[in-house]
Amino acid sequence: MQWFNLTFGDPAHDLAIDEALLDWCEATESTGVLRFWESPEYFVVLGYANHQAREVNLDQCKQRGIPILRRCSGGGTVVQGPGCLNYTLVLPEDMHVALSSISDSNRYIMDRQRQAVENALGSSIEVQGHTDLIWQGRKFSGNAQRRRRRHLLFHGCFLLNFDLQMIHDILNMPSSMPDYRQARSHADFVTNLPVNEVNLKAAIRNVWSADQPMDPPPLEMVEKLVSERYGLPEWHSKY
């Protein structure tokens, strides 16, 4: 599997490249791609079907100049910014029989991610809900997926040194919550994971055998997606 670090520093491009990588892998004989990135600025990312006014404190975003964008995958709404390490996995479905369905691929991928984090942290963690990672009863990682015919995109984030107050200030209580959350506030539900970022990246690369540097990413596909979707206000405000 190929891997690379790449942050554009522009929210539209940082979201567009995930879908571009999925399309690129679908069009080639790729054995998979792993990307790491971390935004230098704060922005909100809606799950594909999320409604802005329901999930986000719009007044706070306006006052602080925080943009609200929409990704191509499902799941909940998150805040991006410094201290939040993101990863992108694109996997061929024939890599493992478990990747043939959404629920099985969730379990398969999250088990590997759990192993990687435990190896880097030196402490046990749990998978809760469908794709949440939990340490000492609090969530530090959320994940989502999008599928094509032969490949799937699985991406998520790790709260490592994030301003957790931003989550409390910017996001409303989510419209959909897993049972294990027990309606806890953001302040009582999320936490930063005390793990070295370099060690965490290495552990994730190891569990996915991502040992080949990535060739130049499909930048033309990224620009096309930005011009047709991720750079357009109507895409982000569609719901």
Protein backbone atom coordinates (compact mmCIF):
# COMPACT_ATOMS: atom_id res chain seq x y z
CA MET A 1 0.00 0.00 0.00
CA GLN A 2 1.15 3.53 -0.79
CA TRP A 3 1.13 6.27 1.84
CA PHE A 4 1.82 10.00 2.07
CA ASN A 5 1.44 13.13 4.19
CA LEU A 6 -0.41 15.95 2.45
CA THR A 7 -2.33 18.91 3.84
CA PHE A 8 -3.46 21.56 1.38
CA GLY A 9 -4.38 24.00 4.12
CA ASP A 10 -7.55 24.82 2.20
CA PRO A 11 -10.64 22.98 3.50
CA ALA A 12 -12.19 22.42 0.07
CA HIS A 13 -9.06 20.78 -1.29
CA ASP A 14 -8.44 18.74 1.86
CA LEU A 15 -11.91 17.22 1.53
CA ALA A 16 -11.85 16.86 -2.24
CA ILE A 17 -8.67 14.80 -2.31
CA ASP A 18 -10.30 12.01 -0.30
CA GLU A 19 -12.93 11.51 -2.99
CA ALA A 20 -10.31 11.99 -5.70
CA LEU A 21 -8.19 9.21 -4.19
CA LEU A 22 -11.22 6.92 -4.17
CA ASP A 23 -11.95 7.65 -7.82
CA TRP A 24 -8.27 7.32 -8.75
CA CYS A 25 -7.98 3.92 -7.07
CA GLU A 26 -11.20 2.80 -8.73
CA ALA A 27 -9.78 3.72 -12.14
CA THR A 28 -6.41 2.02 -11.58
CA GLU A 29 -5.05 -1.22 -10.21
CA SER A 30 -4.15 0.39 -6.89
CA THR A 31 -3.61 -1.88 -3.90
CA GLY A 32 -4.63 0.92 -1.55
CA VAL A 33 -3.63 4.36 -0.30
CA LEU A 34 -3.12 5.83 3.16
CA ARG A 35 -2.98 9.61 3.66
CA PHE A 36 -2.35 11.70 6.77
CA TRP A 37 -3.26 15.38 7.13
CA GLU A 38 -3.93 18.05 9.76
CA SER A 39 -5.66 21.35 9.04
CA PRO A 40 -3.89 24.53 10.21
CA GLU A 41 -7.26 26.30 10.43
CA TYR A 42 -10.60 25.53 12.01
CA PHE A 43 -13.56 24.49 9.90
CA VAL A 44 -16.70 22.40 10.30
CA VAL A 45 -17.30 19.25 8.26
CA LEU A 46 -20.85 17.97 7.87
CA GLY A 47 -21.59 14.34 7.15
CA TYR A 48 -23.11 14.00 3.68
CA ALA A 49 -26.76 14.12 4.79
CA ASN A 50 -26.39 16.42 7.82
CA HIS A 51 -28.38 19.64 8.09
CA GLN A 52 -26.33 22.74 8.90
CA ALA A 53 -28.84 24.43 11.21
CA ARG A 54 -29.49 21.22 13.15
CA GLU A 55 -25.87 20.24 13.76
CA VAL A 56 -23.99 23.54 13.92
CA ASN A 57 -24.13 26.74 15.97
CA LEU A 58 -24.36 28.99 12.93
CA ASP A 59 -24.04 32.23 14.91
CA GLN A 60 -20.76 31.12 16.47
CA CYS A 61 -19.37 30.07 13.08
CA LYS A 62 -20.31 33.43 11.59
CA GLN A 63 -18.80 35.40 14.48
CA ARG A 64 -15.55 33.44 14.34
CA GLY A 65 -15.33 33.20 10.56
CA ILE A 66 -15.36 29.41 10.63
CA PRO A 67 -16.44 27.88 7.30
CA ILE A 68 -18.89 24.98 7.11
CA LEU A 69 -18.21 22.30 4.49
CA ARG A 70 -19.70 18.93 3.55
CA ARG A 71 -17.86 15.68 2.87
CA CYS A 72 -18.82 12.82 0.58
CA SER A 73 -19.21 10.22 3.32
CA GLY A 74 -21.87 9.73 5.98
CA GLY A 75 -21.49 10.00 9.74
CA GLY A 76 -21.70 12.96 12.06
CA THR A 77 -20.50 16.54 12.03
CA VAL A 78 -16.99 17.37 13.28
CA VAL A 79 -14.72 20.34 13.81
CA GLN A 80 -11.32 20.25 12.12
CA GLY A 81 -8.23 22.20 13.08
CA PRO A 82 -4.79 22.09 14.72
CA GLY A 83 -4.32 19.10 16.98
CA CYS A 84 -6.73 16.88 15.03
CA LEU A 85 -4.84 14.25 13.02
CA ASN A 86 -6.78 12.91 10.04
CA TYR A 87 -6.23 9.79 7.99
CA THR A 88 -7.65 8.56 4.71
CA LEU A 89 -7.73 4.90 3.68
CA VAL A 90 -8.75 3.69 0.25
CA LEU A 91 -8.93 -0.09 0.09
CA PRO A 92 -9.78 -2.53 -2.70
CA GLU A 93 -12.76 -4.67 -1.73
CA ASP A 94 -10.95 -7.85 -2.78
CA MET A 95 -8.27 -7.19 -0.15
CA HIS A 96 -10.40 -9.08 2.40
CA VAL A 97 -13.78 -10.79 2.36
CA ALA A 98 -14.98 -8.51 5.18
CA LEU A 99 -14.73 -5.47 2.90
CA SER A 100 -17.69 -6.61 0.79
CA SER A 101 -20.28 -5.00 3.08
CA ILE A 102 -20.58 -1.78 5.07
CA SER A 103 -21.07 -3.40 8.48
CA ASP A 104 -18.35 -6.02 8.04
CA SER A 105 -15.87 -3.50 6.71
CA ASN A 106 -16.59 -1.22 9.67
CA ARG A 107 -15.73 -4.02 12.07
CA TYR A 108 -12.68 -5.17 10.13
CA ILE A 109 -11.14 -1.72 9.69
CA MET A 110 -11.94 -0.52 13.20
CA ASP A 111 -10.35 -3.61 14.71
CA ARG A 112 -7.13 -2.83 12.84
CA GLN A 113 -7.28 0.82 13.85
CA ARG A 114 -7.81 -0.22 17.46
CA GLN A 115 -4.74 -2.46 17.30
CA ALA A 116 -2.66 0.37 15.85
CA VAL A 117 -3.69 2.86 18.54
CA GLU A 118 -3.10 0.35 21.32
CA ASN A 119 0.38 -0.35 19.95
CA ALA A 120 1.21 3.37 19.91
CA LEU A 121 -0.45 4.19 23.24
CA GLY A 122 0.54 1.13 25.23
CA SER A 123 -2.95 0.98 26.70
CA SER A 124 -6.22 -0.69 25.79
CA ILE A 125 -9.02 1.15 23.97
CA GLU A 126 -12.49 0.18 22.81
CA VAL A 127 -14.58 0.34 19.65
CA GLN A 128 -18.05 1.65 20.42
CA GLY A 129 -21.05 2.53 18.26
CA HIS A 130 -20.26 1.66 14.67
CA THR A 131 -16.91 3.39 14.20
CA ASP A 132 -15.91 5.27 17.37
CA LEU A 133 -12.71 4.72 19.32
CA ILE A 134 -12.92 5.19 23.09
CA TRP A 135 -10.27 5.66 25.76
CA GLN A 136 -11.21 5.73 29.44
CA GLY A 137 -14.87 6.07 28.54
CA ARG A 138 -14.48 9.04 26.17
CA LYS A 139 -14.38 9.32 22.40
CA PHE A 140 -11.21 10.46 20.64
CA SER A 141 -11.82 9.18 17.11
CA GLY A 142 -14.78 9.13 14.72
CA ASN A 143 -14.83 7.55 11.26
CA ALA A 144 -16.98 7.17 8.14
CA GLN A 145 -16.93 5.45 4.76
CA ARG A 146 -17.97 5.86 1.13
CA ARG A 147 -18.04 3.05 -1.42
CA ARG A 148 -17.56 2.59 -5.14
CA ARG A 149 -17.92 -0.63 -7.10
CA ARG A 150 -14.43 -2.03 -6.37
CA HIS A 151 -12.96 0.25 -3.69
CA LEU A 152 -14.03 1.92 -0.48
CA LEU A 153 -12.99 5.13 1.22
CA PHE A 154 -12.65 4.99 5.00
CA HIS A 155 -11.53 8.14 6.77
CA GLY A 156 -11.50 9.58 10.25
CA CYS A 157 -9.70 11.71 12.80
CA PHE A 158 -7.84 11.45 16.08
CA LEU A 159 -8.09 14.16 18.73
CA LEU A 160 -4.52 14.50 19.99
CA ASN A 161 -3.99 18.10 21.05
CA PHE A 162 -7.23 19.73 19.98
CA ASP A 163 -9.01 22.69 21.58
CA LEU A 164 -11.97 20.70 22.89
CA GLN A 165 -13.79 23.87 23.86
CA MET A 166 -14.19 24.53 20.12
CA ILE A 167 -16.36 21.43 19.82
CA HIS A 168 -18.57 22.62 22.67
CA ASP A 169 -18.85 26.13 21.23
CA ILE A 170 -19.34 25.27 17.55
CA LEU A 171 -21.39 22.08 17.44
CA ASN A 172 -24.91 21.55 18.71
CA MET A 173 -25.80 18.26 20.35
CA PRO A 174 -25.89 15.82 17.44
CA SER A 175 -29.20 14.79 15.91
CA SER A 176 -28.16 11.13 16.08
CA MET A 177 -26.26 9.70 19.05
CA PRO A 178 -25.07 6.18 19.85
CA ASP A 179 -26.56 4.62 22.98
CA TYR A 180 -23.20 4.47 24.77
CA ARG A 181 -22.96 8.28 24.70
CA GLN A 182 -25.88 8.45 27.17
CA ALA A 183 -26.70 11.99 26.00
CA ARG A 184 -23.45 13.33 27.47
CA SER A 185 -22.42 16.85 26.51
CA HIS A 186 -19.44 17.35 24.22
CA ALA A 187 -17.38 18.38 27.24
CA ASP A 188 -18.16 15.09 29.01
CA PHE A 189 -17.93 12.91 25.92
CA VAL A 190 -14.75 13.70 23.96
CA THR A 191 -11.09 13.72 24.94
CA ASN A 192 -7.61 14.12 23.53
CA LEU A 193 -5.54 10.95 23.32
CA PRO A 194 -2.10 11.30 24.98
CA VAL A 195 -0.09 9.64 22.25
CA ASN A 196 2.86 10.78 20.15
CA GLU A 197 1.69 11.66 16.63
CA VAL A 198 4.80 10.20 14.96
CA ASN A 199 4.34 6.91 16.80
CA LEU A 200 0.63 6.80 15.95
CA LYS A 201 1.27 7.34 12.25
CA ALA A 202 3.92 4.61 12.28
CA ALA A 203 1.57 2.19 14.02
CA ILE A 204 -1.21 2.83 11.50
CA ARG A 205 1.19 2.41 8.60
CA ASN A 206 2.35 -0.86 10.12
CA VAL A 207 -1.09 -2.47 10.53
CA TRP A 208 -1.94 -1.61 6.91
CA SER A 209 1.51 -2.52 5.51
CA ALA A 210 1.70 0.97 4.01
CA ASP A 211 5.40 1.00 3.20
CA GLN A 212 5.54 2.52 -0.30
CA PRO A 213 5.80 6.30 -0.74
CA MET A 214 2.87 7.62 -2.75
CA ASP A 215 3.37 8.65 -6.35
CA PRO A 216 2.18 12.18 -7.12
CA PRO A 217 -1.48 12.30 -6.03
CA PRO A 218 -4.23 12.90 -8.64
CA LEU A 219 -4.17 16.69 -8.37
CA GLU A 220 -6.13 17.25 -11.59
CA MET A 221 -8.97 15.17 -10.17
CA VAL A 222 -8.81 17.20 -6.96
CA GLU A 223 -9.14 20.49 -8.84
CA LYS A 224 -12.05 19.14 -10.86
CA LEU A 225 -13.91 18.12 -7.71
CA VAL A 226 -13.22 21.51 -6.10
CA SER A 227 -14.56 23.36 -9.14
CA GLU A 228 -17.63 21.13 -9.49
CA ARG A 229 -18.49 20.45 -5.84
CA TYR A 230 -16.29 21.25 -2.86
CA GLY A 231 -15.66 24.83 -3.87
CA LEU A 232 -19.35 25.62 -4.35
CA PRO A 233 -21.51 27.06 -1.55
CA GLU A 234 -24.55 25.16 -2.81
CA TRP A 235 -22.80 21.83 -2.16
CA HIS A 236 -22.12 22.67 1.46
CA SER A 237 -25.55 24.23 2.12
CA LYS A 238 -27.63 21.68 0.21
CA TYR A 239 -29.33 20.49 3.43
